[in-house]
Protein backbone atom coordinates (compact mmCIF):
# COMPACT_ATOMS: atom_id res chain seq x y z
CA UNK A 1 63.81 20.78 -14.18
CA UNK A 2 65.93 20.82 -11.05
CA UNK A 3 65.51 18.23 -8.29
CA UNK A 4 66.87 18.43 -4.73
CA UNK A 5 68.06 15.15 -3.25
CA UNK A 6 68.45 14.41 0.41
CA UNK A 7 71.87 14.18 1.89
CA UNK A 8 71.74 11.15 4.16
CA UNK A 9 75.30 11.60 5.33
CA UNK A 10 74.62 14.81 7.26
CA UNK A 11 71.96 15.19 9.92
CA UNK A 12 72.28 18.94 9.73
CA UNK A 13 72.28 19.33 5.98
CA UNK A 14 70.15 22.26 4.70
CA UNK A 15 69.41 20.42 1.42
CA UNK A 16 66.66 18.16 2.71
CA UNK A 17 63.68 17.72 0.25
CA UNK A 18 61.38 15.18 -1.47
CA UNK A 19 62.16 12.76 -4.26
CA UNK A 20 60.04 12.76 -7.42
CA UNK A 21 58.66 9.34 -6.50
CA UNK A 22 57.51 10.65 -3.12
CA UNK A 23 55.78 13.59 -4.78
CA UNK A 24 53.98 11.36 -7.28
CA UNK A 25 52.87 9.02 -4.53
CA UNK A 26 51.54 11.87 -2.38
CA UNK A 27 49.73 13.45 -5.32
CA UNK A 28 48.16 10.11 -6.11
CA UNK A 29 46.97 9.78 -2.52
CA UNK A 30 45.55 13.33 -2.65
CA UNK A 31 43.67 12.53 -5.88
CA UNK A 32 42.20 9.36 -4.40
CA UNK A 33 41.09 11.27 -1.27
CA UNK A 34 39.57 14.06 -3.33
CA UNK A 35 37.70 11.59 -5.52
CA UNK A 36 36.32 9.73 -2.47
CA UNK A 37 35.34 13.07 -0.86
CA UNK A 38 33.75 14.25 -4.05
CA UNK A 39 31.61 11.10 -4.27
CA UNK A 40 30.63 11.41 -0.63
CA UNK A 41 29.83 15.09 -1.08
CA UNK A 42 27.74 14.30 -4.09
CA UNK A 43 25.75 11.72 -2.10
CA UNK A 44 25.39 14.10 0.83
CA UNK A 45 24.23 16.89 -1.48
CA UNK A 46 21.76 14.59 -3.21
CA UNK A 47 20.44 13.29 0.11
CA UNK A 48 20.17 16.79 1.45
CA UNK A 49 18.30 17.96 -1.61
CA UNK A 50 15.95 15.00 -1.30
CA UNK A 51 15.35 15.71 2.36
CA UNK A 52 14.65 19.39 1.63
CA UNK A 53 12.21 18.58 -1.10
CA UNK A 54 10.64 15.89 1.07
CA UNK A 55 10.09 18.42 3.92
CA UNK A 56 8.71 20.85 1.33
CA UNK A 57 6.28 18.14 0.11
CA UNK A 58 5.20 17.40 3.72
CA UNK A 59 4.65 21.05 4.56
CA UNK A 60 2.58 21.54 1.42
CA UNK A 61 0.68 18.38 2.23
CA UNK A 62 -0.14 19.51 5.75
CA UNK A 63 -1.29 22.99 4.71
CA UNK A 64 -3.14 22.01 1.54
CA UNK A 65 -5.00 19.06 3.18
CA UNK A 66 -5.86 21.03 6.25
CA UNK A 67 -7.59 23.62 4.04
CA UNK A 68 -9.61 20.77 2.47
CA UNK A 69 -10.30 19.29 5.95
CA UNK A 70 -11.67 22.63 7.15
CA UNK A 71 -13.96 22.93 4.06
CA UNK A 72 -15.22 19.36 4.54
CA UNK A 73 -15.87 19.81 8.23
CA UNK A 74 -17.93 22.90 7.44
CA UNK A 75 -19.78 21.40 4.43
CA UNK A 76 -23.39 22.38 4.70
CA UNK A 77 -22.74 25.26 7.08
CA UNK A 78 -25.42 27.91 6.43
CA UNK A 79 -27.15 25.82 3.67
CA UNK A 80 -30.94 26.03 3.64
CA UNK A 81 -32.95 22.84 4.37
CA UNK A 82 -36.01 24.26 2.69
CA UNK A 83 -36.52 26.31 -0.52
CA UNK A 84 -39.83 27.92 -1.45
CA UNK A 85 -38.80 27.85 -5.11
CA UNK A 86 -37.15 25.52 -7.57
CA UNK A 87 -33.59 26.82 -8.35
CA UNK A 88 -33.02 27.93 -11.89
CA UNK A 89 -29.59 29.47 -11.25
CA UNK A 90 -26.18 28.11 -12.29
CA UNK A 91 -23.68 28.12 -9.50
CA UNK A 92 -21.04 27.02 -12.01
CA UNK A 93 -20.97 28.42 -15.47
CA UNK A 94 -17.55 27.11 -16.53
CA UNK A 95 -17.29 24.83 -19.50
CA UNK A 96 -17.01 21.05 -19.58
CA UNK A 97 -13.39 19.92 -19.04
CA UNK A 98 -12.28 23.49 -18.13
CA UNK A 99 -11.26 22.72 -14.56
CA UNK A 100 -10.58 19.05 -14.74
CA UNK A 101 -10.58 16.88 -17.87
CA UNK A 102 -13.47 14.48 -17.93
CA UNK A 103 -15.65 16.58 -15.54
CA UNK A 104 -18.45 19.00 -16.20
CA UNK A 105 -18.74 21.28 -13.13
CA UNK A 106 -22.27 22.22 -14.14
CA UNK A 107 -23.42 18.69 -13.31
CA UNK A 108 -23.28 19.75 -9.65
CA UNK A 109 -25.56 22.80 -10.05
CA UNK A 110 -28.69 22.62 -7.89
CA UNK A 111 -31.08 22.75 -10.89
CA UNK A 112 -29.48 19.47 -12.14
CA UNK A 113 -30.23 17.52 -8.97
CA UNK A 114 -32.02 14.37 -9.91
CA UNK A 115 -33.05 12.91 -6.54
CA UNK A 116 -36.71 12.02 -6.98
CA UNK A 117 -37.51 12.76 -3.32
CA UNK A 118 -36.29 16.38 -3.56
CA UNK A 119 -38.59 18.25 -6.00
CA UNK A 120 -37.34 21.65 -4.85
CA UNK A 121 -33.69 20.69 -5.39
CA UNK A 122 -32.28 21.83 -2.06
CA UNK A 123 -28.49 22.24 -2.28
CA UNK A 124 -26.34 19.26 -1.31
CA UNK A 125 -23.47 19.84 1.10
CA UNK A 126 -21.13 17.34 -0.66
CA UNK A 127 -21.03 15.82 -4.12
CA UNK A 128 -18.37 14.12 -6.22
CA UNK A 129 -17.80 12.26 -9.45
CA UNK A 130 -14.97 10.59 -11.36
CA UNK A 131 -13.40 11.87 -14.57
CA UNK A 132 -14.55 10.01 -17.68
CA UNK A 133 -14.75 10.41 -21.47
CA UNK A 134 -12.36 10.91 -24.32
CA UNK A 135 -11.21 14.40 -23.16
CA UNK A 136 -9.33 12.79 -20.22
CA UNK A 137 -5.93 11.16 -20.79
CA UNK A 138 -5.29 7.66 -19.44
CA UNK A 139 -3.60 9.05 -16.31
CA UNK A 140 -6.58 11.43 -15.71
CA UNK A 141 -9.36 8.91 -16.08
CA UNK A 142 -11.18 8.00 -12.88
CA UNK A 143 -9.62 10.77 -10.79
CA UNK A 144 -12.29 12.04 -8.39
CA UNK A 145 -13.71 15.59 -8.34
CA UNK A 146 -15.10 16.91 -5.06
CA UNK A 147 -17.71 19.67 -4.64
CA UNK A 148 -18.46 21.36 -1.28
CA UNK A 149 -21.22 23.86 -0.63
CA UNK A 150 -21.54 26.05 2.47
CA UNK A 151 -21.48 29.72 3.29
CA UNK A 152 -18.17 29.13 5.13
CA UNK A 153 -16.38 27.96 1.94
CA UNK A 154 -15.67 31.45 0.65
CA UNK A 155 -12.13 32.83 0.67
CA UNK A 156 -13.09 35.98 2.58
CA UNK A 157 -13.66 36.93 6.21
CA UNK A 158 -17.36 37.67 5.61
CA UNK A 159 -18.04 33.96 4.92
CA UNK A 160 -16.92 33.20 8.48
CA UNK A 161 -19.43 35.55 10.08
CA UNK A 162 -22.95 34.89 11.37
CA UNK A 163 -25.50 36.64 13.49
CA UNK A 164 -29.23 36.86 14.05
CA UNK A 165 -31.99 39.42 13.70
CA UNK A 166 -33.46 41.05 16.79
CA UNK A 167 -36.95 42.50 16.82
CA UNK A 168 -39.75 42.26 14.26
CA UNK A 169 -40.97 44.13 11.22
CA UNK A 170 -39.57 47.59 10.53
CA UNK A 171 -37.86 47.65 13.96
CA UNK A 172 -35.69 44.63 13.15
CA UNK A 173 -31.94 45.07 13.71
CA UNK A 174 -28.88 42.93 13.28
CA UNK A 175 -27.25 41.62 16.50
CA UNK A 176 -23.83 43.07 16.89
CA UNK A 177 -21.15 41.20 18.82
CA UNK A 178 -18.95 44.22 19.43
CA UNK A 179 -15.97 42.62 17.76
CA UNK A 180 -14.29 41.98 14.39
CA UNK A 181 -16.98 39.37 13.79
CA UNK A 182 -19.64 41.99 13.30
CA UNK A 183 -21.09 42.48 9.84
CA UNK A 184 -20.11 45.79 8.25
CA UNK A 185 -21.26 47.87 5.37
CA UNK A 186 -21.26 46.02 1.97
CA UNK A 187 -21.27 42.53 3.52
CA UNK A 188 -23.75 40.43 1.56
CA UNK A 189 -25.74 37.92 3.61
CA UNK A 190 -28.52 35.33 3.42
CA UNK A 191 -31.17 34.68 6.06
CA UNK A 192 -32.49 31.36 7.35
CA UNK A 193 -35.40 30.53 9.60
CA UNK A 194 -33.65 29.17 12.78
CA UNK A 195 -36.37 26.58 13.42
CA UNK A 196 -36.99 25.24 9.94
CA UNK A 197 -33.75 26.28 8.21
CA UNK A 198 -35.86 27.54 5.39
CA UNK A 199 -34.22 30.17 3.13
CA UNK A 200 -35.95 33.54 3.59
CA UNK A 201 -36.57 35.28 0.34
CA UNK A 202 -37.52 34.44 -3.17
CA UNK A 203 -35.75 33.15 -6.34
CA UNK A 204 -35.39 36.85 -7.34
CA UNK A 205 -34.14 38.09 -3.95
CA UNK A 206 -32.51 35.66 -1.56
CA UNK A 207 -29.80 37.94 -0.15
CA UNK A 208 -29.26 41.51 0.97
CA UNK A 209 -26.27 43.85 1.42
CA UNK A 210 -25.59 45.40 4.81
CA UNK A 211 -26.15 49.17 4.52
CA UNK A 212 -24.03 51.82 6.26
CA UNK A 213 -24.00 52.41 10.01
CA UNK A 214 -25.98 55.58 9.75
CA UNK A 215 -29.04 53.55 8.75
CA UNK A 216 -28.67 51.35 11.86
CA UNK A 217 -28.12 48.40 9.59
CA UNK A 218 -31.74 48.57 8.26
CA UNK A 219 -32.99 45.26 7.01
CA UNK A 220 -34.82 44.78 3.78
CA UNK A 221 -38.55 44.19 4.38
CA UNK A 222 -38.51 40.68 2.85
CA UNK A 223 -36.06 39.59 5.59
CA UNK A 224 -37.77 41.12 8.59
CA UNK A 225 -39.23 38.59 11.08
CA UNK A 226 -43.00 38.91 11.00
CA UNK A 227 -43.49 37.94 14.67
CA UNK A 228 -41.56 37.37 17.86
CA UNK A 229 -41.82 33.56 17.37
CA UNK A 230 -39.78 33.78 14.16
CA UNK A 231 -36.04 33.62 14.76
CA UNK A 232 -33.87 34.48 11.78
CA UNK A 233 -30.20 33.64 11.41
CA UNK A 234 -27.86 35.62 9.16
CA UNK A 235 -24.86 34.06 7.32
CA UNK A 236 -22.23 36.02 5.46
CA UNK A 237 -21.47 35.25 1.82
CA UNK A 238 -19.12 37.85 0.42
CA UNK A 239 -18.19 41.60 0.34
CA UNK A 240 -19.87 43.54 -2.50
CA UNK A 241 -17.59 45.83 -4.47
CA UNK A 242 -18.06 48.14 -7.42
CA UNK A 243 -17.18 45.25 -9.75
CA UNK A 244 -19.31 42.55 -8.13
CA UNK A 245 -21.87 40.79 -10.19
CA UNK A 246 -25.30 39.85 -8.84
CA UNK A 247 -25.13 37.01 -6.34
CA UNK A 248 -26.48 34.00 -8.25
CA UNK A 249 -26.81 31.38 -5.50
CA UNK A 250 -27.32 31.55 -1.69
CA UNK A 251 -24.07 29.95 -0.51
CA UNK A 252 -20.39 29.60 -1.44
CA UNK A 253 -19.06 26.69 -3.43
CA UNK A 254 -15.61 25.22 -3.76
CA UNK A 255 -14.46 22.37 -6.10
CA UNK A 256 -11.36 20.28 -5.40
CA UNK A 257 -9.71 18.59 -8.37
CA UNK A 258 -6.31 17.50 -9.82
CA UNK A 259 -5.00 18.96 -13.05
CA UNK A 260 -1.68 19.39 -14.87
CA UNK A 261 -1.11 23.10 -15.69
CA UNK A 262 -1.00 23.80 -19.42
CA UNK A 263 2.31 25.74 -18.85
CA UNK A 264 5.11 23.65 -17.36
CA UNK A 265 6.53 26.64 -15.59
CA UNK A 266 3.44 26.67 -13.38
CA UNK A 267 4.36 23.40 -11.69
CA UNK A 268 7.53 22.44 -9.85
CA UNK A 269 10.34 21.00 -11.96
CA UNK A 270 10.69 18.22 -9.37
CA UNK A 271 7.24 16.77 -10.21
CA UNK A 272 7.06 13.54 -12.17
CA UNK A 273 5.66 13.76 -15.74
CA UNK A 274 1.89 14.10 -16.04
CA UNK A 275 1.37 14.58 -12.31
CA UNK A 276 -0.67 17.64 -11.53
CA UNK A 277 -1.67 20.14 -8.87
CA UNK A 278 -4.44 19.77 -6.33
CA UNK A 279 -6.60 22.86 -6.84
CA UNK A 280 -9.30 24.55 -4.79
CA UNK A 281 -11.71 26.37 -7.16
CA UNK A 282 -13.75 29.08 -5.47
CA UNK A 283 -16.91 30.40 -7.13
CA UNK A 284 -17.88 34.04 -6.90
CA UNK A 285 -21.15 34.80 -8.64
CA UNK A 286 -20.82 32.72 -11.79
CA UNK A 287 -17.07 33.05 -12.17
CA UNK A 288 -14.39 30.89 -10.59
CA UNK A 289 -10.85 31.29 -9.29
CA UNK A 290 -8.53 28.30 -8.72
CA UNK A 291 -5.88 28.22 -6.02
CA UNK A 292 -3.12 25.56 -6.13
CA UNK A 293 -2.63 23.69 -2.82
CA UNK A 294 -0.37 20.72 -3.38
CA UNK A 295 1.84 19.63 -6.26
CA UNK A 296 3.07 16.42 -7.82
CA UNK A 297 -0.35 14.71 -7.53
CA UNK A 298 -1.15 11.55 -9.49
CA UNK A 299 -4.62 10.78 -8.18
CA UNK A 300 -7.40 11.63 -5.79
CA UNK A 301 -10.19 9.33 -4.54
CA UNK A 302 -13.13 10.02 -2.25
CA UNK A 303 -14.98 7.40 -0.13
CA UNK A 304 -18.12 8.01 1.93
CA UNK A 305 -19.29 6.18 5.08
CA UNK A 306 -23.10 6.05 5.42
CA UNK A 307 -25.64 5.05 7.99
CA UNK A 308 -28.35 3.98 5.54
CA UNK A 309 -30.79 2.65 8.13
CA UNK A 310 -30.16 5.68 10.37
CA UNK A 311 -29.48 3.66 13.51
CA UNK A 312 -26.32 5.52 14.42
CA UNK A 313 -23.76 3.13 12.93
CA UNK A 314 -21.92 2.99 9.62
CA UNK A 315 -23.34 0.18 7.43
CA UNK A 316 -22.14 1.19 3.98
CA UNK A 317 -18.97 2.57 2.45
CA UNK A 318 -19.38 3.94 -1.04
CA UNK A 319 -17.36 5.45 -3.86
CA UNK A 320 -17.61 9.01 -5.23
CA UNK A 321 -21.13 8.43 -6.81
CA UNK A 322 -22.88 6.94 -3.78
CA UNK A 323 -24.46 10.33 -2.89
CA UNK A 324 -25.71 11.12 -6.34
CA UNK A 325 -29.23 9.68 -5.88
CA UNK A 326 -29.68 10.90 -2.35
CA UNK A 327 -31.46 14.14 -1.44
CA UNK A 328 -29.88 16.89 0.64
CA UNK A 329 -31.93 15.66 3.64
CA UNK A 330 -30.80 12.04 3.19
CA UNK A 331 -27.19 13.13 3.02
CA UNK A 332 -27.60 15.10 6.27
CA UNK A 333 -29.10 12.07 8.00
CA UNK A 334 -26.85 9.35 6.60
CA UNK A 335 -23.40 10.76 5.88
CA UNK A 336 -21.08 9.97 8.83
CA UNK A 337 -17.59 10.26 7.40
CA UNK A 338 -15.75 11.48 4.36
CA UNK A 339 -12.40 10.02 3.40
CA UNK A 340 -10.11 11.61 0.79
CA UNK A 341 -6.95 9.84 -0.56
CA UNK A 342 -4.38 11.78 -2.49
CA UNK A 343 -1.50 9.98 -4.32
CA UNK A 344 1.62 12.13 -4.70
CA UNK A 345 5.39 11.63 -4.58
CA UNK A 346 7.54 12.73 -1.69
CA UNK A 347 10.44 14.98 -2.65
CA UNK A 348 12.16 14.85 -6.03
CA UNK A 349 13.41 12.14 -8.36
CA UNK A 350 16.17 10.00 -6.79
CA UNK A 351 18.25 7.90 -9.12
CA UNK A 352 19.53 5.89 -6.13
CA UNK A 353 16.05 4.88 -5.08
CA UNK A 354 13.73 2.14 -6.38
CA UNK A 355 10.02 2.23 -5.54
CA UNK A 356 8.92 -1.43 -5.24
CA UNK A 357 5.72 -1.55 -7.29
CA UNK A 358 3.94 0.37 -10.03
CA UNK A 359 0.52 -0.46 -8.51
CA UNK A 360 -0.60 1.73 -5.63
CA UNK A 361 -3.83 1.37 -3.73
CA UNK A 362 -5.60 4.69 -3.37
CA UNK A 363 -8.48 4.08 -0.96
CA UNK A 364 -9.60 1.25 1.34
CA UNK A 365 -12.52 -1.01 2.07
CA UNK A 366 -12.00 -2.45 -1.43
CA UNK A 367 -13.02 0.98 -2.78
CA UNK A 368 -11.13 3.74 -4.52
CA UNK A 369 -8.84 2.08 -7.01
CA UNK A 370 -5.39 0.65 -7.71
CA UNK A 371 -3.45 3.32 -9.59
CA UNK A 372 -0.92 2.21 -12.22
CA UNK A 373 2.04 4.56 -12.08
CA UNK A 374 3.27 3.49 -15.49
CA UNK A 375 0.41 5.42 -17.10
CA UNK A 376 2.20 8.63 -16.10
CA UNK A 377 5.29 7.76 -18.08
CA UNK A 378 6.10 6.87 -21.71
CA UNK A 379 5.72 3.18 -22.66
CA UNK A 380 8.39 0.90 -21.22
CA UNK A 381 9.82 3.64 -19.04
CA UNK A 382 10.76 2.68 -15.46
CA UNK A 383 11.26 6.19 -14.27
CA UNK A 384 8.34 5.79 -11.91
CA UNK A 385 10.70 3.72 -9.66
CA UNK A 386 12.80 6.83 -8.97
CA UNK A 387 10.15 8.62 -7.00
CA UNK A 388 9.00 8.02 -3.41
CA UNK A 389 5.21 7.64 -3.85
CA UNK A 390 2.99 8.34 -0.93
CA UNK A 391 -0.81 8.26 -0.24
CA UNK A 392 -2.10 11.05 1.97
CA UNK A 393 -5.28 10.06 3.81
CA UNK A 394 -7.80 12.47 5.15
CA UNK A 395 -10.60 11.32 7.37
CA UNK A 396 -13.20 13.88 8.24
CA UNK A 397 -16.46 13.77 10.18
CA UNK A 398 -18.69 16.57 8.77
CA UNK A 399 -20.07 18.69 11.60
CA UNK A 400 -22.48 21.01 9.81
CA UNK A 401 -24.54 18.98 7.38
């Protein structure tokens, strides 16, 4: 190895260079600077990733909960107030524990209504229950399950349409708005008496499908107003296709629930163990399709505000089962507010963060529950501290019940 030494006796010497000691010192300084920069870069990258995941969580939360808000605001839209028959249909035919562990969706079918004051079992706009039983794991027990019924709840444009029938008898026609809101061929609809909100039809035929334009939207005889004093409203349910089954109930139904997918690849890798997805299950005929709305969910709780003496003010807050013994009419008169609380974590795991407590209140008014985050993790694990837990609160005044 050859070293070049400085000649300090000549200011003009061309042999100027660095000593070995100087090189070692400079290299040491560079190494220190690089190590410091690497640590800072790692922290910046980690913080940036956390912020990105946090923003992603917030966007999901806004979109997912706004979908739920819209369904809750329209709960009861297009539902009949009166039935001339006792329902024998099953709006849900899925098995116990299929959607959410500890829940049987069939419990919310109209034919299972137990309210003593409602012999004809008119459909309820909102119902809920909590998960129970041995099928549910400890972290799934007492999660709430929310059911909403309305014509609006369908995932299709037809469910957002309405109109009324003009004329009487065989001359009856459907009012057309002259816009995209008009019913078109193959739209399936139900008909309500505008004054009584009674469902027009029978247990065997409570809907009809819009025929083609050439027939001037001819209306089935059973749905034709008998006199000029009878005003009939039409609400859209779905579009009938070649594969559609017979419509089994005169409305649309959606269920909201939390569940961990059976396949880990179907949930984000950033989610804490045993957290799940908030799903919206949409019923079509007797089948059901579930749509994920929000991930990394630990719990959901529902609280209702009621005016039990019907004087205009709220005098009772109740948990998920407070509506179970009320009739559809009592719910319409007494339900003033629906509150939904969803416990999730914001962003991804952060080893530099410590959440202060394992006990999180999901609810208010002394209702809901205190959720223990340790149930999500293996015994003695403190991994729950590494997540930023957050309770989303949704307060809705139902407008259509």
